[in-house]
């Protein structure tokens, strides 16, 4: 009860938190990215009026498939980016003014 009453009392100035501004609030900054296998293998507790497990698993497989496609596209784009940068450097070195 005392803890509840403390919530309504005038708050003293609390020291600034040592955590980063978004630390702990956004999983993308504090956790490693989910893998496709983690999404596919995720299981949920069953509750009395819970969600249909078949629908949940179907959705998880769909999300995992989309994630796999996005990661493949990201890797392909990164490789293409490196190829374009190399070609640009090569072109710039061949056509630099004053260099013959």
PDB file of N, CA and C in Angstrom:
ATOM      1  N   UNK A   1       0.824  -1.187   0.000  1.00  0.00           N
ATOM      2  CA  UNK A   1       0.000   0.000   0.000  1.00  0.00           C
ATOM      3  C   UNK A   1       0.869   1.252   0.000  1.00  0.00           C
ATOM      4  N   UNK A   2       1.950   1.186   0.771  1.00  0.00           N
ATOM      5  CA  UNK A   2       2.842   2.339   0.855  1.00  0.00           C
ATOM      6  C   UNK A   2       3.437   2.668  -0.520  1.00  0.00           C
ATOM      7  N   UNK A   3       3.768   1.623  -1.293  1.00  0.00           N
ATOM      8  CA  UNK A   3       4.308   1.852  -2.634  1.00  0.00           C
ATOM      9  C   UNK A   3       3.296   2.536  -3.548  1.00  0.00           C
ATOM     10  N   UNK A   4       2.027   2.177  -3.398  1.00  0.00           N
ATOM     11  CA  UNK A   4       0.989   2.796  -4.212  1.00  0.00           C
ATOM     12  C   UNK A   4       0.849   4.263  -3.851  1.00  0.00           C
ATOM     13  N   UNK A   5       0.892   4.579  -2.554  1.00  0.00           N
ATOM     14  CA  UNK A   5       0.778   5.973  -2.121  1.00  0.00           C
ATOM     15  C   UNK A   5       1.964   6.798  -2.597  1.00  0.00           C
ATOM     16  N   UNK A   6       3.124   6.191  -2.672  1.00  0.00           N
ATOM     17  CA  UNK A   6       4.304   6.919  -3.147  1.00  0.00           C
ATOM     18  C   UNK A   6       4.137   7.399  -4.588  1.00  0.00           C
ATOM     19  N   UNK A   7       3.318   6.714  -5.353  1.00  0.00           N
ATOM     20  CA  UNK A   7       3.088   7.132  -6.728  1.00  0.00           C
ATOM     21  C   UNK A   7       2.378   8.479  -6.801  1.00  0.00           C
ATOM     22  N   UNK A   8       1.549   8.788  -5.772  1.00  0.00           N
ATOM     23  CA  UNK A   8       0.766  10.014  -5.797  1.00  0.00           C
ATOM     24  C   UNK A   8       1.441  11.176  -5.082  1.00  0.00           C
ATOM     25  N   UNK A   9       2.468  10.918  -4.340  1.00  0.00           N
ATOM     26  CA  UNK A   9       3.182  11.993  -3.655  1.00  0.00           C
ATOM     27  C   UNK A   9       3.989  12.789  -4.665  1.00  0.00           C
ATOM     28  N   UNK A  10       4.328  14.016  -4.277  1.00  0.00           N
ATOM     29  CA  UNK A  10       5.128  14.829  -5.190  1.00  0.00           C
ATOM     30  C   UNK A  10       6.454  14.117  -5.438  1.00  0.00           C
ATOM     31  N   UNK A  11       6.759  13.971  -6.677  1.00  0.00           N
ATOM     32  CA  UNK A  11       7.957  13.212  -7.053  1.00  0.00           C
ATOM     33  C   UNK A  11       9.203  14.050  -6.836  1.00  0.00           C
ATOM     34  N   UNK A  12      10.180  13.444  -6.194  1.00  0.00           N
ATOM     35  CA  UNK A  12      11.484  14.089  -6.070  1.00  0.00           C
ATOM     36  C   UNK A  12      12.208  13.943  -7.394  1.00  0.00           C
ATOM     37  N   UNK A  13      13.152  14.790  -7.564  1.00  0.00           N
ATOM     38  CA  UNK A  13      13.947  14.723  -8.796  1.00  0.00           C
ATOM     39  C   UNK A  13      14.751  13.424  -8.780  1.00  0.00           C
ATOM     40  N   UNK A  14      14.507  12.572  -9.754  1.00  0.00           N
ATOM     41  CA  UNK A  14      15.229  11.300  -9.831  1.00  0.00           C
ATOM     42  C   UNK A  14      16.480  11.488 -10.665  1.00  0.00           C
ATOM     43  N   UNK A  15      17.559  10.788 -10.302  1.00  0.00           N
ATOM     44  CA  UNK A  15      18.783  10.904 -11.105  1.00  0.00           C
ATOM     45  C   UNK A  15      18.548  10.387 -12.517  1.00  0.00           C
ATOM     46  N   UNK A  16      19.268  10.961 -13.447  1.00  0.00           N
ATOM     47  CA  UNK A  16      19.137  10.548 -14.844  1.00  0.00           C
ATOM     48  C   UNK A  16      19.527   9.086 -14.991  1.00  0.00           C
ATOM     49  N   UNK A  17      18.816   8.411 -15.831  1.00  0.00           N
ATOM     50  CA  UNK A  17      19.083   6.997 -16.052  1.00  0.00           C
ATOM     51  C   UNK A  17      20.404   6.823 -16.794  1.00  0.00           C
ATOM     52  N   UNK A  18      21.107   5.758 -16.457  1.00  0.00           N
ATOM     53  CA  UNK A  18      22.373   5.482 -17.137  1.00  0.00           C
ATOM     54  C   UNK A  18      22.147   4.715 -18.441  1.00  0.00           C
ATOM     55  N   UNK A  19      20.900   4.289 -18.674  1.00  0.00           N
ATOM     56  CA  UNK A  19      20.584   3.570 -19.906  1.00  0.00           C
ATOM     57  C   UNK A  19      20.541   4.522 -21.086  1.00  0.00           C
ATOM     58  N   UNK A  20      20.848   4.057 -22.265  1.00  0.00           N
ATOM     59  CA  UNK A  20      20.689   4.895 -23.448  1.00  0.00           C
ATOM     60  C   UNK A  20      19.227   5.297 -23.593  1.00  0.00           C
ATOM     61  N   UNK A  21      18.973   6.337 -24.344  1.00  0.00           N
ATOM     62  CA  UNK A  21      17.635   6.878 -24.447  1.00  0.00           C
ATOM     63  C   UNK A  21      16.613   5.828 -24.869  1.00  0.00           C
ATOM     64  N   UNK A  22      16.921   5.004 -25.848  1.00  0.00           N
ATOM     65  CA  UNK A  22      15.985   3.990 -26.311  1.00  0.00           C
ATOM     66  C   UNK A  22      16.352   2.593 -25.828  1.00  0.00           C
ATOM     67  N   UNK A  23      17.330   2.478 -24.968  1.00  0.00           N
ATOM     68  CA  UNK A  23      17.772   1.167 -24.521  1.00  0.00           C
ATOM     69  C   UNK A  23      16.685   0.410 -23.802  1.00  0.00           C
ATOM     70  N   UNK A  24      16.401  -0.776 -24.250  1.00  0.00           N
ATOM     71  CA  UNK A  24      15.420  -1.613 -23.593  1.00  0.00           C
ATOM     72  C   UNK A  24      14.008  -1.427 -24.117  1.00  0.00           C
ATOM     73  N   UNK A  25      13.748  -0.360 -24.857  1.00  0.00           N
ATOM     74  CA  UNK A  25      12.394  -0.133 -25.335  1.00  0.00           C
ATOM     75  C   UNK A  25      12.194  -0.701 -26.732  1.00  0.00           C
ATOM     76  N   UNK A  26      13.206  -0.630 -27.551  1.00  0.00           N
ATOM     77  CA  UNK A  26      13.087  -1.112 -28.916  1.00  0.00           C
ATOM     78  C   UNK A  26      13.979  -2.328 -29.075  1.00  0.00           C
ATOM     79  N   UNK A  27      13.376  -3.457 -29.381  1.00  0.00           N
ATOM     80  CA  UNK A  27      14.121  -4.707 -29.459  1.00  0.00           C
ATOM     81  C   UNK A  27      15.186  -4.679 -30.544  1.00  0.00           C
ATOM     82  N   UNK A  28      14.957  -3.934 -31.597  1.00  0.00           N
ATOM     83  CA  UNK A  28      15.925  -3.948 -32.687  1.00  0.00           C
ATOM     84  C   UNK A  28      17.278  -3.421 -32.254  1.00  0.00           C
ATOM     85  N   UNK A  29      17.310  -2.559 -31.233  1.00  0.00           N
ATOM     86  CA  UNK A  29      18.577  -2.017 -30.767  1.00  0.00           C
ATOM     87  C   UNK A  29      19.202  -2.877 -29.675  1.00  0.00           C
ATOM     88  N   UNK A  30      18.381  -3.651 -28.967  1.00  0.00           N
ATOM     89  CA  UNK A  30      18.911  -4.375 -27.825  1.00  0.00           C
ATOM     90  C   UNK A  30      19.039  -5.878 -28.048  1.00  0.00           C
ATOM     91  N   UNK A  31      18.480  -6.399 -29.126  1.00  0.00           N
ATOM     92  CA  UNK A  31      18.522  -7.846 -29.376  1.00  0.00           C
ATOM     93  C   UNK A  31      19.018  -8.123 -30.789  1.00  0.00           C
ATOM     94  N   UNK A  32      19.519  -9.314 -30.949  1.00  0.00           N
ATOM     95  CA  UNK A  32      19.938  -9.734 -32.289  1.00  0.00           C
ATOM     96  C   UNK A  32      18.690  -9.956 -33.135  1.00  0.00           C
ATOM     97  N   UNK A  33      18.798  -9.808 -34.452  1.00  0.00           N
ATOM     98  CA  UNK A  33      17.634 -10.016 -35.321  1.00  0.00           C
ATOM     99  C   UNK A  33      17.148 -11.459 -35.256  1.00  0.00           C
ATOM    100  N   UNK A  34      15.862 -11.625 -35.452  1.00  0.00           N
ATOM    101  CA  UNK A  34      15.286 -12.964 -35.464  1.00  0.00           C
ATOM    102  C   UNK A  34      15.730 -13.704 -36.713  1.00  0.00           C
ATOM    103  N   UNK A  35      15.937 -14.983 -36.547  1.00  0.00           N
ATOM    104  CA  UNK A  35      16.258 -15.807 -37.709  1.00  0.00           C
ATOM    105  C   UNK A  35      14.964 -16.430 -38.223  1.00  0.00           C
ATOM    106  N   UNK A  36      15.021 -16.928 -39.437  1.00  0.00           N
ATOM    107  CA  UNK A  36      13.860 -17.583 -40.026  1.00  0.00           C
ATOM    108  C   UNK A  36      13.451 -18.781 -39.169  1.00  0.00           C
ATOM    109  N   UNK A  37      14.435 -19.547 -38.708  1.00  0.00           N
ATOM    110  CA  UNK A  37      14.143 -20.713 -37.868  1.00  0.00           C
ATOM    111  C   UNK A  37      13.490 -20.344 -36.549  1.00  0.00           C
ATOM    112  N   UNK A  38      13.917 -19.228 -35.945  1.00  0.00           N
ATOM    113  CA  UNK A  38      13.306 -18.786 -34.693  1.00  0.00           C
ATOM    114  C   UNK A  38      11.835 -18.446 -34.894  1.00  0.00           C
ATOM    115  N   UNK A  39      11.514 -17.846 -36.027  1.00  0.00           N
ATOM    116  CA  UNK A  39      10.116 -17.502 -36.291  1.00  0.00           C
ATOM    117  C   UNK A  39       9.300 -18.763 -36.522  1.00  0.00           C
ATOM    118  N   UNK A  40       9.841 -19.686 -37.318  1.00  0.00           N
ATOM    119  CA  UNK A  40       9.091 -20.911 -37.626  1.00  0.00           C
ATOM    120  C   UNK A  40       8.908 -21.796 -36.398  1.00  0.00           C
ATOM    121  N   UNK A  41       9.880 -21.811 -35.498  1.00  0.00           N
ATOM    122  CA  UNK A  41       9.819 -22.696 -34.335  1.00  0.00           C
ATOM    123  C   UNK A  41       9.136 -22.072 -33.124  1.00  0.00           C
ATOM    124  N   UNK A  42       8.673 -20.842 -33.227  1.00  0.00           N
ATOM    125  CA  UNK A  42       8.061 -20.148 -32.093  1.00  0.00           C
ATOM    126  C   UNK A  42       6.735 -20.804 -31.735  1.00  0.00           C
ATOM    127  N   UNK A  43       6.531 -21.084 -30.456  1.00  0.00           N
ATOM    128  CA  UNK A  43       5.277 -21.663 -29.971  1.00  0.00           C
ATOM    129  C   UNK A  43       4.683 -20.735 -28.931  1.00  0.00           C
ATOM    130  N   UNK A  44       3.365 -20.698 -28.863  1.00  0.00           N
ATOM    131  CA  UNK A  44       2.658 -19.831 -27.935  1.00  0.00           C
ATOM    132  C   UNK A  44       1.871 -20.677 -26.945  1.00  0.00           C
ATOM    133  N   UNK A  45       1.653 -20.094 -25.771  1.00  0.00           N
ATOM    134  CA  UNK A  45       0.852 -20.792 -24.772  1.00  0.00           C
ATOM    135  C   UNK A  45      -0.599 -20.878 -25.244  1.00  0.00           C
ATOM    136  N   UNK A  46      -1.260 -21.942 -24.867  1.00  0.00           N
ATOM    137  CA  UNK A  46      -2.667 -22.092 -25.186  1.00  0.00           C
ATOM    138  C   UNK A  46      -3.484 -21.547 -24.023  1.00  0.00           C
ATOM    139  N   UNK A  47      -4.444 -20.728 -24.343  1.00  0.00           N
ATOM    140  CA  UNK A  47      -5.324 -20.177 -23.315  1.00  0.00           C
ATOM    141  C   UNK A  47      -6.751 -20.556 -23.651  1.00  0.00           C
ATOM    142  N   UNK A  48      -7.637 -20.323 -22.707  1.00  0.00           N
ATOM    143  CA  UNK A  48      -9.017 -20.762 -22.869  1.00  0.00           C
ATOM    144  C   UNK A  48      -9.633 -20.228 -24.168  1.00  0.00           C
ATOM    145  N   UNK A  49      -9.596 -18.932 -24.350  1.00  0.00           N
ATOM    146  CA  UNK A  49     -10.176 -18.340 -25.559  1.00  0.00           C
ATOM    147  C   UNK A  49      -9.072 -17.776 -26.444  1.00  0.00           C
ATOM    148  N   UNK A  50      -8.029 -18.550 -26.598  1.00  0.00           N
ATOM    149  CA  UNK A  50      -6.860 -18.086 -27.343  1.00  0.00           C
ATOM    150  C   UNK A  50      -7.058 -18.129 -28.844  1.00  0.00           C
ATOM    151  N   UNK A  51      -5.994 -17.841 -29.530  1.00  0.00           N
ATOM    152  CA  UNK A  51      -6.008 -17.836 -30.987  1.00  0.00           C
ATOM    153  C   UNK A  51      -5.903 -19.257 -31.516  1.00  0.00           C
ATOM    154  N   UNK A  52      -6.329 -19.440 -32.738  1.00  0.00           N
ATOM    155  CA  UNK A  52      -6.253 -20.742 -33.385  1.00  0.00           C
ATOM    156  C   UNK A  52      -4.792 -21.058 -33.688  1.00  0.00           C
ATOM    157  N   UNK A  53      -4.240 -22.126 -33.099  1.00  0.00           N
ATOM    158  CA  UNK A  53      -2.830 -22.452 -33.312  1.00  0.00           C
ATOM    159  C   UNK A  53      -2.480 -22.656 -34.787  1.00  0.00           C
ATOM    160  N   UNK A  54      -3.389 -23.204 -35.573  1.00  0.00           N
ATOM    161  CA  UNK A  54      -3.124 -23.420 -36.992  1.00  0.00           C
ATOM    162  C   UNK A  54      -2.913 -22.093 -37.708  1.00  0.00           C
ATOM    163  N   UNK A  55      -3.762 -21.112 -37.391  1.00  0.00           N
ATOM    164  CA  UNK A  55      -3.615 -19.796 -38.011  1.00  0.00           C
ATOM    165  C   UNK A  55      -2.325 -19.121 -37.575  1.00  0.00           C
ATOM    166  N   UNK A  56      -1.980 -19.263 -36.290  1.00  0.00           N
ATOM    167  CA  UNK A  56      -0.751 -18.648 -35.778  1.00  0.00           C
ATOM    168  C   UNK A  56       0.459 -19.229 -36.496  1.00  0.00           C
ATOM    169  N   UNK A  57       0.513 -20.553 -36.614  1.00  0.00           N
ATOM    170  CA  UNK A  57       1.656 -21.191 -37.278  1.00  0.00           C
ATOM    171  C   UNK A  57       1.703 -20.845 -38.765  1.00  0.00           C
ATOM    172  N   UNK A  58       0.546 -20.769 -39.406  1.00  0.00           N
ATOM    173  CA  UNK A  58       0.523 -20.386 -40.822  1.00  0.00           C
ATOM    174  C   UNK A  58       1.067 -18.971 -40.993  1.00  0.00           C
ATOM    175  N   UNK A  59       0.662 -18.077 -40.089  1.00  0.00           N
ATOM    176  CA  UNK A  59       1.150 -16.703 -40.167  1.00  0.00           C
ATOM    177  C   UNK A  59       2.648 -16.638 -39.909  1.00  0.00           C
ATOM    178  N   UNK A  60       3.135 -17.395 -38.919  1.00  0.00           N
ATOM    179  CA  UNK A  60       4.566 -17.396 -38.622  1.00  0.00           C
ATOM    180  C   UNK A  60       5.374 -17.917 -39.808  1.00  0.00           C
ATOM    181  N   UNK A  61       4.893 -18.953 -40.473  1.00  0.00           N
ATOM    182  CA  UNK A  61       5.599 -19.466 -41.648  1.00  0.00           C
ATOM    183  C   UNK A  61       5.598 -18.439 -42.775  1.00  0.00           C
ATOM    184  N   UNK A  62       4.487 -17.719 -42.910  1.00  0.00           N
ATOM    185  CA  UNK A  62       4.432 -16.670 -43.935  1.00  0.00           C
ATOM    186  C   UNK A  62       5.434 -15.561 -43.628  1.00  0.00           C
ATOM    187  N   UNK A  63       5.487 -15.129 -42.369  1.00  0.00           N
ATOM    188  CA  UNK A  63       6.434 -14.085 -41.968  1.00  0.00           C
ATOM    189  C   UNK A  63       7.868 -14.574 -42.157  1.00  0.00           C
ATOM    190  N   UNK A  64       8.132 -15.821 -41.779  1.00  0.00           N
ATOM    191  CA  UNK A  64       9.483 -16.374 -41.934  1.00  0.00           C
ATOM    192  C   UNK A  64       9.876 -16.425 -43.408  1.00  0.00           C
ATOM    193  N   UNK A  65       8.947 -16.798 -44.266  1.00  0.00           N
ATOM    194  CA  UNK A  65       9.233 -16.819 -45.699  1.00  0.00           C
ATOM    195  C   UNK A  65       9.535 -15.430 -46.237  1.00  0.00           C
ATOM    196  N   UNK A  66       8.729 -14.450 -45.811  1.00  0.00           N
ATOM    197  CA  UNK A  66       8.977 -13.069 -46.236  1.00  0.00           C
ATOM    198  C   UNK A  66      10.328 -12.577 -45.733  1.00  0.00           C
ATOM    199  N   UNK A  67      10.670 -12.928 -44.502  1.00  0.00           N
ATOM    200  CA  UNK A  67      11.953 -12.523 -43.931  1.00  0.00           C
ATOM    201  C   UNK A  67      13.111 -13.136 -44.719  1.00  0.00           C
ATOM    202  N   UNK A  68      12.972 -14.391 -45.095  1.00  0.00           N
ATOM    203  CA  UNK A  68      14.025 -15.046 -45.877  1.00  0.00           C
ATOM    204  C   UNK A  68      14.207 -14.350 -47.228  1.00  0.00           C
ATOM    205  N   UNK A  69      13.101 -13.979 -47.869  1.00  0.00           N
ATOM    206  CA  UNK A  69      13.179 -13.282 -49.159  1.00  0.00           C
ATOM    207  C   UNK A  69      13.855 -11.931 -48.992  1.00  0.00           C
ATOM    208  N   UNK A  70      13.472 -11.197 -47.959  1.00  0.00           N
ATOM    209  CA  UNK A  70      14.044  -9.869 -47.727  1.00  0.00           C
ATOM    210  C   UNK A  70      15.538  -9.966 -47.457  1.00  0.00           C
ATOM    211  N   UNK A  71      15.951 -10.951 -46.676  1.00  0.00           N
ATOM    212  CA  UNK A  71      17.384 -11.098 -46.384  1.00  0.00           C
ATOM    213  C   UNK A  71      18.176 -11.483 -47.631  1.00  0.00           C
ATOM    214  N   UNK A  72      17.607 -12.322 -48.492  1.00  0.00           N
ATOM    215  CA  UNK A  72      18.279 -12.651 -49.758  1.00  0.00           C
ATOM    216  C   UNK A  72      18.406 -11.411 -50.631  1.00  0.00           C
ATOM    217  N   UNK A  73      17.330 -10.633 -50.707  1.00  0.00           N
ATOM    218  CA  UNK A  73      17.360  -9.395 -51.498  1.00  0.00           C
ATOM    219  C   UNK A  73      18.386  -8.414 -50.938  1.00  0.00           C
ATOM    220  N   UNK A  74      18.474  -8.333 -49.620  1.00  0.00           N
ATOM    221  CA  UNK A  74      19.441  -7.430 -48.990  1.00  0.00           C
ATOM    222  C   UNK A  74      20.868  -7.847 -49.328  1.00  0.00           C
ATOM    223  N   UNK A  75      21.145  -9.139 -49.263  1.00  0.00           N
ATOM    224  CA  UNK A  75      22.486  -9.628 -49.603  1.00  0.00           C
ATOM    225  C   UNK A  75      22.798  -9.364 -51.074  1.00  0.00           C
ATOM    226  N   UNK A  76      21.830  -9.594 -51.957  1.00  0.00           N
ATOM    227  CA  UNK A  76      22.028  -9.342 -53.381  1.00  0.00           C
ATOM    228  C   UNK A  76      22.265  -7.858 -53.637  1.00  0.00           C
ATOM    229  N   UNK A  77      21.516  -7.008 -52.956  1.00  0.00           N
ATOM    230  CA  UNK A  77      21.685  -5.564 -53.123  1.00  0.00           C
ATOM    231  C   UNK A  77      23.044  -5.108 -52.619  1.00  0.00           C
ATOM    232  N   UNK A  78      23.502  -5.669 -51.509  1.00  0.00           N
ATOM    233  CA  UNK A  78      24.822  -5.304 -50.981  1.00  0.00           C
ATOM    234  C   UNK A  78      25.924  -5.707 -51.962  1.00  0.00           C
ATOM    235  N   UNK A  79      25.806  -6.894 -52.552  1.00  0.00           N
ATOM    236  CA  UNK A  79      26.789  -7.333 -53.555  1.00  0.00           C
ATOM    237  C   UNK A  79      26.761  -6.425 -54.781  1.00  0.00           C
ATOM    238  N   UNK A  80      25.574  -6.049 -55.217  1.00  0.00           N
ATOM    239  CA  UNK A  80      25.448  -5.153 -56.366  1.00  0.00           C
ATOM    240  C   UNK A  80      26.032  -3.777 -56.049  1.00  0.00           C
ATOM    241  N   UNK A  81      25.824  -3.318 -54.831  1.00  0.00           N
ATOM    242  CA  UNK A  81      26.377  -2.036 -54.395  1.00  0.00           C
ATOM    243  C   UNK A  81      27.903  -2.049 -54.468  1.00  0.00           C
ATOM    244  N   UNK A  82      28.521  -3.122 -53.997  1.00  0.00           N
ATOM    245  CA  UNK A  82      29.981  -3.249 -54.053  1.00  0.00           C
ATOM    246  C   UNK A  82      30.450  -3.256 -55.503  1.00  0.00           C
ATOM    247  N   UNK A  83      29.760  -3.998 -56.368  1.00  0.00           N
ATOM    248  CA  UNK A  83      30.121  -4.064 -57.787  1.00  0.00           C
ATOM    249  C   UNK A  83      30.038  -2.685 -58.442  1.00  0.00           C
ATOM    250  N   UNK A  84      28.988  -1.936 -58.145  1.00  0.00           N
ATOM    251  CA  UNK A  84      28.825  -0.599 -58.735  1.00  0.00           C
ATOM    252  C   UNK A  84      29.906   0.351 -58.234  1.00  0.00           C
ATOM    253  N   UNK A  85      30.224   0.283 -56.947  1.00  0.00           N
ATOM    254  CA  UNK A  85      31.277   1.151 -56.398  1.00  0.00           C
ATOM    255  C   UNK A  85      32.627   0.851 -57.044  1.00  0.00           C
ATOM    256  N   UNK A  86      32.934  -0.428 -57.246  1.00  0.00           N
ATOM    257  CA  UNK A  86      34.200  -0.794 -57.900  1.00  0.00           C
ATOM    258  C   UNK A  86      34.235  -0.276 -59.337  1.00  0.00           C
ATOM    259  N   UNK A  87      33.127  -0.424 -60.049  1.00  0.00           N
ATOM    260  CA  UNK A  87      33.070   0.057 -61.431  1.00  0.00           C
ATOM    261  C   UNK A  87      33.219   1.575 -61.482  1.00  0.00           C
ATOM    262  N   UNK A  88      32.604   2.279 -60.544  1.00  0.00           N
ATOM    263  CA  UNK A  88      32.720   3.733 -60.507  1.00  0.00           C
ATOM    264  C   UNK A  88      34.152   4.163 -60.231  1.00  0.00           C
ATOM    265  N   UNK A  89      34.808   3.517 -59.270  1.00  0.00           N
ATOM    266  CA  UNK A  89      36.212   3.843 -58.976  1.00  0.00           C
ATOM    267  C   UNK A  89      37.097   3.583 -60.194  1.00  0.00           C
ATOM    268  N   UNK A  90      36.855   2.481 -60.863  1.00  0.00           N
ATOM    269  CA  UNK A  90      37.636   2.150 -62.053  1.00  0.00           C
ATOM    270  C   UNK A  90      37.416   3.204 -63.140  1.00  0.00           C
ATOM    271  N   UNK A  91      36.174   3.585 -63.371  1.00  0.00           N
ATOM    272  CA  UNK A  91      35.864   4.598 -64.376  1.00  0.00           C
ATOM    273  C   UNK A  91      36.499   5.936 -64.013  1.00  0.00           C
ATOM    274  N   UNK A  92      36.397   6.324 -62.725  1.00  0.00           N
ATOM    275  CA  UNK A  92      36.982   7.596 -62.297  1.00  0.00           C
ATOM    276  C   UNK A  92      38.496   7.599 -62.477  1.00  0.00           C
ATOM    277  N   UNK A  93      39.137   6.482 -62.185  1.00  0.00           N
ATOM    278  CA  UNK A  93      40.598   6.440 -62.321  1.00  0.00           C
ATOM    279  C   UNK A  93      41.024   6.486 -63.791  1.00  0.00           C
ATOM    280  N   UNK A  94      40.218   5.948 -64.703  1.00  0.00           N
ATOM    281  CA  UNK A  94      40.548   5.988 -66.127  1.00  0.00           C
ATOM    282  C   UNK A  94      40.313   7.362 -66.745  1.00  0.00           C
ATOM    283  N   UNK A  95      39.312   8.081 -66.255  1.00  0.00           N
ATOM    284  CA  UNK A  95      38.938   9.345 -66.882  1.00  0.00           C
ATOM    285  C   UNK A  95      39.214  10.560 -66.003  1.00  0.00           C
ATOM    286  N   UNK A  96      40.150  10.450 -65.081  1.00  0.00           N
ATOM    287  CA  UNK A  96      40.536  11.587 -64.252  1.00  0.00           C
ATOM    288  C   UNK A  96      41.279  12.594 -65.120  1.00  0.00           C
ATOM    289  N   UNK A  97      40.874  13.899 -65.076  1.00  0.00           N
ATOM    290  CA  UNK A  97      41.578  14.901 -65.883  1.00  0.00           C
ATOM    291  C   UNK A  97      43.043  15.008 -65.452  1.00  0.00           C
ATOM    292  N   UNK A  98      43.923  15.199 -66.426  1.00  0.00           N
ATOM    293  CA  UNK A  98      45.343  15.344 -66.134  1.00  0.00           C
ATOM    294  C   UNK A  98      46.083  14.030 -66.080  1.00  0.00           C
ATOM    295  N   UNK A  99      45.376  12.936 -66.092  1.00  0.00           N
ATOM    296  CA  UNK A  99      46.026  11.619 -66.057  1.00  0.00           C
ATOM    297  C   UNK A  99      45.981  11.027 -67.454  1.00  0.00           C
ATOM    298  N   UNK A 100      47.141  10.758 -68.024  1.00  0.00           N
ATOM    299  CA  UNK A 100      47.180  10.213 -69.390  1.00  0.00           C
ATOM    300  C   UNK A 100      48.078   9.041 -69.484  1.00  0.00           C
TER     301      UNK A 100
END
